[in-house]
Each structure stands twice: as C-alpha cells, then as structure tokens.
C-alpha cells in the first residue's frame, strides 16, 4: 500500500517559487529563519527579523511566506524530505536480519545526533505537538518511513501477516519519535541509555518470528 510522500500528501501553506532567482531568495529567507530559530526559538522569531537578515523586503518575504507558521512548515518539509531520502537509501538493499540490525541502529543514531546538534529541528519538532497540520505532516512522514521498513520485513519474513507487519513498522517509527523526544529532554547520559533501550526493544519486535 505505497505511501504518498508526506510533503505531497498535505498542502503546504506557502507559495512555491518557480524561477531560479526566486528560489535563491527563498533559500536566503529559510536560512535566515533557521538561524533566528536556533538563536531564540520560533515563538520569539519575528517576520521583520527574517526579512532583515535575509536581505529582502518584508513584502518579498510575505509573498512566499504569509506568516511565521508557513516558514516553520517549509523547514519541516525540508527535514522530512531529507530524512526520508536517508532512510530509503539505508534500507533499500537490506536482505538479512544482521543487515537490518546494523542499518536500523545506525539510522536511530543519526536521527538522535541530528536532534542533539540542531536546535532548529528540536524547535520544529516540539511545535508539531501544538499544530494539528504539522502533526499530520509528521504522521504522514512516519507512514512513509514505515513503508521502507515494511519492504525489508516482507523480504525477511515473507510468510508473516502483512497487516501485522504494517502495524509493527508504523508503531516502531512512532515509538521512535517519542523516544527521541524523551531522550533530548533529559541529561545526555540518560538520553543515551533511553535511545539504546529503544533500539533493543524495536529490533526485538521487528525481528520476531
């Protein structure tokens, strides 16, 4: 049941640039917004600050991003697309249990590392809990990522109930989101233990006969 990519499944609240010059301007806007969010959080960020740092007029900013939420949405879409590409590449050639263990563990470590290193991603992630549309984007992302995992599981466990595999894969990704939120909200040493525990629990379920 092939999943539609998350950024195609839910309409974005911003206007996409069609010309190269406009795309470059939008890139500057998003880079400026990302820097401001890293410095002060999305709640404190102001549209005027974004325009000033990007070197564009406020009217030009509003042309592509009608409000602050549209900027956050664009950044969320970007991180979603990047994570899906990474997960797809890591899982596409897996053909045995050891390969799945290694690839899954590496993906979790990469994801954890990104959220430890990127305050922008943490800010956007926390914002998804209060924004219903962003939450739907996150759920669509989890479903798309689960599809990559389902393809591996069907190769490893061809006789398993496909509905059960779908449920397991989707739940594993959603549990991963919750585990990461918990891990980055506590001291690093405890967070590392929580992530390691999640990997063990998830792999036991994924590889269960």
Foldseek 3Di string as FASTA:
>chain_A
DAADQLPVVADQPWDDDDDPVLVVLVVLLLVQQQVVCQVPRLVPDDLVSSCVSSVHDSVSSCNGPVGSVSSLRVVLSVVLVVLLVLLLVQQVPDQELVSCLVSVLVSLVVVLVCVLVRSSVVRSLVVCVVDVSSVSSVLSSLLNSLVSLLVRLCNHCVPDDSVVSSVLSSVLSVVSSVLSNVLNVDDVVVSVVSSVVSSVVSSCSSPPD
